[in-house]
N, C-alpha and C. Protein backbone atom coordinates (compact mmCIF):
# COMPACT_ATOMS: atom_id res chain seq x y z
N UNK A 1 1.22 -1.07 0.27
CA UNK A 1 0.27 -0.36 0.01
C UNK A 1 0.88 0.89 0.03
N UNK A 2 1.11 2.10 -0.83
CA UNK A 2 1.99 3.34 -1.11
C UNK A 2 1.02 4.08 -0.93
N UNK A 3 0.56 4.45 -1.80
CA UNK A 3 -0.35 5.97 -1.82
C UNK A 3 -2.24 5.61 -0.93
N UNK A 4 -2.17 7.22 -0.65
CA UNK A 4 -3.37 7.08 0.20
C UNK A 4 -4.56 6.39 -0.34
N UNK A 5 -4.51 6.80 -1.74
CA UNK A 5 -5.76 5.70 -2.31
C UNK A 5 -6.16 4.55 -2.45
N UNK A 6 -4.95 3.81 -2.60
CA UNK A 6 -4.36 2.69 -2.26
C UNK A 6 -4.75 1.98 -0.37
N UNK A 7 -4.21 2.93 0.23
CA UNK A 7 -4.88 2.82 1.75
C UNK A 7 -5.76 2.44 1.80
N UNK A 8 -6.12 3.83 1.40
CA UNK A 8 -7.77 4.06 2.11
C UNK A 8 -8.62 3.18 1.70
N UNK A 9 -8.36 2.34 -0.14
CA UNK A 9 -9.31 1.30 -0.59
C UNK A 9 -9.28 -0.17 -0.20
N UNK A 10 -7.80 -0.96 0.41
CA UNK A 10 -7.77 -1.70 0.66
C UNK A 10 -7.48 -1.85 2.71
N UNK A 11 -6.96 -1.26 2.95
CA UNK A 11 -7.82 -1.24 4.34
C UNK A 11 -9.11 -1.14 4.61
N UNK A 12 -9.27 -1.74 5.77
CA UNK A 12 -10.68 -2.68 6.77
C UNK A 12 -10.68 -2.51 7.86
N UNK A 13 -9.08 -2.48 8.70
CA UNK A 13 -9.10 -2.21 9.65
C UNK A 13 -8.17 -1.32 10.19
N UNK A 14 -9.00 -0.42 11.22
CA UNK A 14 -7.71 1.16 12.09
C UNK A 14 -7.48 1.52 12.33
N UNK A 15 -6.61 0.33 13.24
CA UNK A 15 -6.00 0.61 14.63
C UNK A 15 -5.66 2.57 15.08
N UNK A 16 -6.76 3.80 15.82
CA UNK A 16 -6.31 4.76 16.01
C UNK A 16 -5.81 4.47 17.17
N UNK A 17 -4.03 5.41 17.46
CA UNK A 17 -3.39 5.42 18.57
C UNK A 17 -3.64 6.59 18.96
N UNK A 18 -4.64 6.81 20.47
CA UNK A 18 -4.17 7.89 20.92
C UNK A 18 -6.34 8.06 20.89
N UNK A 19 -7.46 7.16 20.66
CA UNK A 19 -8.34 7.48 19.92
C UNK A 19 -8.75 8.08 21.43
N UNK A 20 -9.19 8.81 21.36
CA UNK A 20 -9.92 9.52 22.63
C UNK A 20 -11.57 10.23 22.74
N UNK A 21 -12.17 9.09 23.80
CA UNK A 21 -13.79 9.02 24.18
C UNK A 21 -14.24 10.36 24.78
N UNK A 22 -13.77 11.58 24.01
CA UNK A 22 -14.24 13.14 23.68
C UNK A 22 -14.51 13.19 22.68
N UNK A 23 -15.86 13.30 22.49
CA UNK A 23 -16.57 13.79 21.41
C UNK A 23 -15.78 14.97 20.55
N UNK A 24 -15.24 15.83 20.64
CA UNK A 24 -15.08 17.10 20.77
C UNK A 24 -13.98 16.81 20.03
N UNK A 25 -12.49 15.57 20.41
CA UNK A 25 -11.51 15.64 20.26
C UNK A 25 -11.92 15.20 18.60
N UNK A 26 -10.48 15.63 17.85
CA UNK A 26 -9.89 14.96 16.05
C UNK A 26 -10.02 14.01 16.18
N UNK A 27 -9.19 12.71 17.59
CA UNK A 27 -9.43 11.28 16.97
C UNK A 27 -10.51 11.22 17.03
N UNK A 28 -11.06 11.15 17.95
CA UNK A 28 -12.70 11.27 18.08
C UNK A 28 -13.79 11.39 17.20
N UNK A 29 -13.56 12.02 16.64
CA UNK A 29 -13.76 12.79 15.15
C UNK A 29 -14.07 11.56 14.07
N UNK A 30 -12.43 11.82 13.97
CA UNK A 30 -12.15 11.16 12.58
C UNK A 30 -12.47 9.47 12.75
N UNK A 31 -12.26 8.79 14.00
CA UNK A 31 -12.24 7.53 13.92
C UNK A 31 -13.45 7.20 14.14
N UNK A 32 -14.74 8.27 14.21
CA UNK A 32 -15.55 8.14 14.10
C UNK A 32 -16.72 8.48 13.04
N UNK A 33 -15.94 9.35 11.63
CA UNK A 33 -16.30 8.67 10.12
C UNK A 33 -15.68 7.59 9.82
N UNK A 34 -14.15 7.18 10.07
CA UNK A 34 -14.71 5.75 9.36
C UNK A 34 -15.18 4.49 10.13
N UNK A 35 -15.48 4.95 10.80
CA UNK A 35 -16.71 4.08 11.57
C UNK A 35 -17.45 3.55 10.76
N UNK A 36 -18.09 4.87 10.16
CA UNK A 36 -19.32 5.00 9.72
C UNK A 36 -19.39 5.19 8.08
N UNK A 37 -18.14 4.79 8.34
CA UNK A 37 -17.47 4.75 6.12
C UNK A 37 -17.28 3.08 5.96
N UNK A 38 -17.30 1.92 7.13
CA UNK A 38 -17.74 1.11 7.38
C UNK A 38 -16.01 0.27 7.58
N UNK A 39 -15.27 1.33 8.31
CA UNK A 39 -14.03 0.73 8.79
C UNK A 39 -14.08 0.11 10.09
N UNK A 40 -13.46 -1.36 10.26
CA UNK A 40 -13.31 -1.58 11.43
C UNK A 40 -12.22 -0.85 12.82
N UNK A 41 -12.80 -0.23 13.32
CA UNK A 41 -12.22 0.45 13.67
C UNK A 41 -11.43 0.22 14.97
N UNK A 42 -9.93 0.26 15.64
CA UNK A 42 -9.83 -0.48 17.06
C UNK A 42 -9.09 0.86 17.71
N UNK A 43 -9.70 1.28 18.91
CA UNK A 43 -9.07 2.23 19.88
C UNK A 43 -7.62 1.38 20.72
N UNK A 44 -7.09 2.65 20.85
CA UNK A 44 -5.57 1.87 21.86
C UNK A 44 -5.25 3.70 22.01
N UNK A 45 -5.57 3.10 22.99
CA UNK A 45 -5.90 4.03 24.65
C UNK A 45 -6.05 4.02 26.12
N UNK A 46 -4.89 3.41 26.33
CA UNK A 46 -4.09 2.90 27.88
C UNK A 46 -5.73 3.32 28.86
N UNK A 47 -5.60 4.82 28.39
CA UNK A 47 -6.65 5.69 29.56
C UNK A 47 -8.38 5.06 29.93
N UNK A 48 -8.64 3.65 28.19
CA UNK A 48 -9.72 4.83 28.39
C UNK A 48 -9.92 2.39 27.79
N UNK A 49 -11.51 1.98 28.23
CA UNK A 49 -11.75 1.14 28.59
C UNK A 49 -12.74 0.69 26.99
N UNK A 50 -13.01 1.83 26.51
CA UNK A 50 -14.40 1.89 25.08
C UNK A 50 -14.92 2.93 24.76
N UNK A 51 -14.75 3.09 23.36
CA UNK A 51 -14.90 3.73 22.43
C UNK A 51 -15.22 3.41 21.12
N UNK A 52 -16.27 4.23 21.45
CA UNK A 52 -17.10 4.32 19.77
C UNK A 52 -17.46 2.86 19.60
N UNK A 53 -17.51 2.45 21.08
CA UNK A 53 -18.72 0.92 21.36
C UNK A 53 -17.98 0.12 21.35
N UNK A 54 -16.22 0.11 20.79
CA UNK A 54 -15.42 -0.70 21.05
C UNK A 54 -14.19 -0.96 21.79
N UNK A 55 -13.78 -2.00 21.98
CA UNK A 55 -13.13 -1.83 23.14
C UNK A 55 -11.89 -1.36 23.10
N UNK A 56 -11.34 -1.34 23.88
CA UNK A 56 -9.69 -0.05 24.24
C UNK A 56 -9.29 -1.17 24.47
N UNK A 57 -7.55 -1.51 23.57
CA UNK A 57 -6.64 -1.97 23.93
C UNK A 57 -5.07 -0.71 25.15
N UNK A 58 -4.65 -0.90 25.25
CA UNK A 58 -3.45 -0.14 25.49
C UNK A 58 -2.26 -0.18 24.36
N UNK A 59 -1.87 -0.45 23.65
CA UNK A 59 -1.66 -1.01 23.00
C UNK A 59 -1.16 -2.06 21.50
N UNK A 60 -0.70 -1.68 20.54
CA UNK A 60 -0.96 -2.24 19.64
C UNK A 60 -0.63 -4.00 19.77
N UNK A 61 0.61 -4.00 20.39
CA UNK A 61 0.46 -5.26 20.50
C UNK A 61 -0.08 -6.19 21.45
N UNK A 62 -1.56 -5.41 22.25
CA UNK A 62 -3.21 -6.84 22.61
C UNK A 62 -3.47 -6.56 21.76
N UNK A 63 -3.59 -6.30 20.72
CA UNK A 63 -4.80 -5.61 19.27
C UNK A 63 -4.87 -7.89 19.69
N UNK A 64 -5.57 -8.97 19.43
CA UNK A 64 -6.17 -9.83 18.67
C UNK A 64 -5.91 -10.43 17.93
N UNK A 65 -5.69 -9.83 16.79
CA UNK A 65 -6.19 -9.81 15.17
C UNK A 65 -5.24 -8.05 14.67
N UNK A 66 -4.85 -8.67 13.29
CA UNK A 66 -4.52 -8.16 12.05
C UNK A 66 -4.67 -6.82 12.32
N UNK A 67 -4.14 -6.30 11.21
CA UNK A 67 -3.80 -4.26 11.44
C UNK A 67 -4.04 -4.03 10.26
N UNK A 68 -4.19 -3.10 8.93
CA UNK A 68 -4.12 -2.53 8.27
C UNK A 68 -3.43 -1.18 8.25
N UNK A 69 -4.10 -0.53 9.12
CA UNK A 69 -3.86 1.00 8.59
C UNK A 69 -3.50 1.25 10.79
N UNK A 70 -2.91 1.53 11.12
CA UNK A 70 -2.39 2.57 12.75
C UNK A 70 -2.53 3.70 11.56
N UNK A 71 -3.21 4.38 12.68
CA UNK A 71 -4.07 5.71 12.50
C UNK A 71 -3.67 6.05 13.47
N UNK A 72 -2.07 7.36 13.51
CA UNK A 72 -2.25 8.28 15.03
C UNK A 72 -1.73 9.14 15.33
N UNK A 73 -2.64 9.26 16.17
CA UNK A 73 -2.77 10.79 16.84
C UNK A 73 -1.73 11.57 17.92
N UNK A 74 -0.71 10.90 18.24
CA UNK A 74 0.20 11.34 19.16
C UNK A 74 1.21 12.63 18.54
N UNK A 75 2.10 13.58 19.55
CA UNK A 75 2.39 14.33 19.23
C UNK A 75 3.60 13.93 18.06
N UNK A 76 4.91 14.54 17.35
CA UNK A 76 5.78 13.72 16.33
C UNK A 76 7.20 13.31 17.30
N UNK A 77 7.64 13.99 17.91
CA UNK A 77 8.14 12.48 19.35
C UNK A 77 7.85 12.13 19.32
N UNK A 78 7.00 11.54 20.18
CA UNK A 78 6.72 10.12 20.31
C UNK A 78 6.51 8.74 19.05
N UNK A 79 6.39 9.26 17.98
CA UNK A 79 5.93 8.21 17.15
C UNK A 79 6.26 7.75 17.66
N UNK A 80 8.37 6.94 16.98
CA UNK A 80 8.93 6.27 17.16
C UNK A 80 8.40 4.94 17.21
N UNK A 81 8.48 5.06 18.99
CA UNK A 81 7.53 3.62 19.77
C UNK A 81 6.70 3.16 18.87
N UNK A 82 6.12 4.06 18.75
CA UNK A 82 4.66 3.66 18.00
C UNK A 82 4.63 2.96 16.46
N UNK A 83 5.43 3.34 15.61
CA UNK A 83 5.74 2.91 14.65
C UNK A 83 6.71 1.57 15.22
N UNK A 84 7.46 1.95 15.18
CA UNK A 84 8.23 0.36 15.65
C UNK A 84 7.47 -0.87 16.06
N UNK A 85 6.60 -1.18 16.86
CA UNK A 85 5.35 -1.06 17.71
C UNK A 85 4.52 -1.84 16.02
N UNK A 86 3.99 -0.84 15.78
CA UNK A 86 3.80 -1.34 13.85
C UNK A 86 4.80 -2.43 13.51
N UNK A 87 4.66 -1.45 13.44
CA UNK A 87 6.12 -2.69 11.66
C UNK A 87 6.34 -3.88 12.63
N UNK A 88 6.06 -4.12 14.01
CA UNK A 88 6.62 -5.43 15.15
C UNK A 88 5.04 -6.45 14.42
N UNK A 89 3.79 -5.64 15.03
CA UNK A 89 3.21 -6.33 15.18
C UNK A 89 2.26 -7.12 13.51
N UNK A 90 2.96 -6.40 12.43
CA UNK A 90 3.16 -6.47 11.46
C UNK A 90 2.03 -5.98 10.41
N UNK A 91 1.62 -4.64 11.47
CA UNK A 91 0.47 -3.86 10.05
C UNK A 91 1.43 -3.55 8.59
N UNK A 92 0.02 -3.73 7.69
CA UNK A 92 0.55 -3.18 7.06
C UNK A 92 1.34 -1.34 5.88
N UNK A 93 0.36 -0.30 6.76
CA UNK A 93 0.25 0.96 6.38
C UNK A 93 0.46 1.60 8.11
N UNK A 94 1.06 2.93 7.85
CA UNK A 94 1.31 3.59 9.24
C UNK A 94 0.55 5.28 8.30
N UNK A 95 -0.44 5.92 9.07
CA UNK A 95 -1.16 6.80 8.79
C UNK A 95 -0.79 7.78 9.73
N UNK A 96 0.33 8.38 9.84
CA UNK A 96 0.85 10.26 11.10
C UNK A 96 -0.12 11.05 10.37
N UNK A 97 -1.25 11.82 11.72
CA UNK A 97 -2.24 12.64 11.16
C UNK A 97 -1.49 13.94 10.99
N UNK A 98 -3.08 15.13 10.52
CA UNK A 98 -2.49 16.80 10.07
C UNK A 98 -0.88 17.30 11.49
N UNK A 99 -0.19 16.74 11.30
CA UNK A 99 0.65 18.20 12.07
C UNK A 99 2.11 16.92 12.97
N UNK A 100 1.38 15.46 12.29
CA UNK A 100 2.39 14.75 13.17
C UNK A 100 3.15 14.81 11.45
N UNK A 101 4.35 15.10 11.57
CA UNK A 101 5.83 14.14 11.30
C UNK A 101 6.45 13.98 11.99
N UNK A 102 7.41 12.86 11.63
CA UNK A 102 8.19 11.75 11.52
C UNK A 102 9.13 11.44 11.20
N UNK A 103 10.12 12.24 10.51
CA UNK A 103 10.99 11.17 9.23
C UNK A 103 11.63 10.29 9.34
N UNK A 104 12.50 10.20 10.59
CA UNK A 104 13.00 8.69 11.30
C UNK A 104 12.37 7.24 11.06
N UNK A 105 11.38 7.81 11.49
CA UNK A 105 9.80 6.89 11.77
C UNK A 105 9.10 6.42 10.76
N UNK A 106 9.26 7.43 9.59
CA UNK A 106 8.71 7.16 8.05
C UNK A 106 9.62 6.16 7.49
N UNK A 107 10.56 6.62 7.69
CA UNK A 107 12.55 5.72 7.55
C UNK A 107 12.22 4.36 7.67
N UNK A 108 12.01 4.04 9.32
CA UNK A 108 12.26 3.07 9.34
C UNK A 108 10.61 1.91 8.83
N UNK A 109 9.90 2.28 9.13
CA UNK A 109 8.46 2.48 7.93
C UNK A 109 8.64 1.71 6.65
N UNK A 110 8.94 2.73 6.40
CA UNK A 110 8.93 2.24 4.55
C UNK A 110 10.70 0.68 4.47
N UNK A 111 11.33 0.48 5.41
CA UNK A 111 12.85 -0.04 5.05
C UNK A 111 11.86 -0.96 5.20
N UNK A 112 10.81 -1.14 6.33
CA UNK A 112 10.16 -2.50 7.03
C UNK A 112 8.91 -3.00 5.78
N UNK A 113 8.55 -2.51 4.74
CA UNK A 113 7.46 -2.54 3.77
C UNK A 113 6.52 -2.11 4.22
N UNK A 114 6.06 -1.15 4.92
CA UNK A 114 5.11 -0.78 5.34
C UNK A 114 4.79 0.71 4.21
N UNK A 115 3.56 1.23 4.55
CA UNK A 115 3.17 2.29 3.71
C UNK A 115 3.28 3.09 4.40
N UNK A 116 3.64 4.13 4.18
CA UNK A 116 3.46 5.42 4.63
C UNK A 116 2.37 6.72 4.65
N UNK A 117 1.80 6.72 5.47
CA UNK A 117 1.64 8.87 4.83
C UNK A 117 1.82 9.47 5.92
N UNK A 118 1.98 10.39 6.04
CA UNK A 118 2.25 11.62 6.98
C UNK A 118 1.60 13.07 6.63
N UNK A 119 1.37 13.62 7.47
CA UNK A 119 0.93 15.03 7.66
C UNK A 119 -0.30 14.99 7.39
N UNK A 120 -0.99 14.04 7.37
CA UNK A 120 -1.90 14.28 6.34
C UNK A 120 -3.87 13.20 7.08
N UNK A 121 -4.84 14.18 7.27
CA UNK A 121 -5.72 13.68 7.63
C UNK A 121 -6.84 12.68 6.77
N UNK A 122 -6.56 11.61 7.89
CA UNK A 122 -7.32 10.57 7.21
C UNK A 122 -8.93 10.52 6.78
N UNK A 123 -9.15 11.41 7.48
CA UNK A 123 -11.02 11.59 6.96
C UNK A 123 -11.30 12.40 6.13
N UNK A 124 -10.32 13.54 5.73
CA UNK A 124 -10.68 14.20 4.87
C UNK A 124 -10.23 13.52 3.43
N UNK A 125 -9.05 12.74 3.98
CA UNK A 125 -8.45 12.47 2.73
C UNK A 125 -9.21 11.07 1.80
N UNK A 126 -10.30 11.09 3.00
CA UNK A 126 -10.44 9.82 2.40
C UNK A 126 -12.52 10.86 1.71
N UNK A 127 -13.14 11.96 2.67
CA UNK A 127 -14.42 12.33 1.86
C UNK A 127 -13.56 12.92 0.59
N UNK A 128 -12.27 13.74 0.44
CA UNK A 128 -11.37 14.35 -1.04
C UNK A 128 -11.94 12.92 -2.08
N UNK A 129 -10.61 11.87 -1.77
CA UNK A 129 -10.70 11.20 -2.43
C UNK A 129 -12.88 10.85 -2.86
N UNK A 130 -13.36 10.52 -2.17
CA UNK A 130 -14.60 9.60 -1.88
C UNK A 130 -15.60 11.07 -3.11
N UNK A 131 -15.06 12.26 -2.82
CA UNK A 131 -15.86 13.21 -4.15
C UNK A 131 -15.18 13.65 -5.16
N UNK A 132 -14.47 13.00 -5.41
CA UNK A 132 -13.48 13.09 -6.68
C UNK A 132 -13.90 12.36 -7.69
N UNK A 133 -14.57 10.34 -6.77
CA UNK A 133 -15.47 9.37 -7.40
C UNK A 133 -14.19 8.12 -7.57
N UNK A 134 -13.17 8.31 -6.53
CA UNK A 134 -12.36 7.89 -5.84
C UNK A 134 -12.30 7.13 -5.46
N UNK A 135 -13.36 6.72 -4.43
CA UNK A 135 -13.93 5.42 -3.78
C UNK A 135 -14.82 5.63 -3.31
N UNK A 136 -15.20 4.02 -3.91
CA UNK A 136 -16.69 3.94 -3.00
C UNK A 136 -17.72 4.27 -1.61
């Protein structure tokens, strides 16, 4: 999965790292939207038990199923360990949300064969491609 469109078309399971139970947070809005669009959302937040009606996990390693995309809502400087864990669990892609930029983590993910999107919003990209007729 190399491009935004490929990732959004091929992915079914999205682990959202930093998914907040608070509706006013961007992570909650994006997770909710993706769930409405038919993606399987897996919340990753050690401070919550459940978000968006889904069981929350403390980290990626605790998730008992395969992950297509790891959508990261964390500060840029904390992304490295999340990407390392995404590689370790066999995720196919990492997606760093708007404002999240970590070139070293992106390089490591690409070297491990993962697709990488950085500094872009998964919801906005989905809406854009859908409006252009490039997603169903």
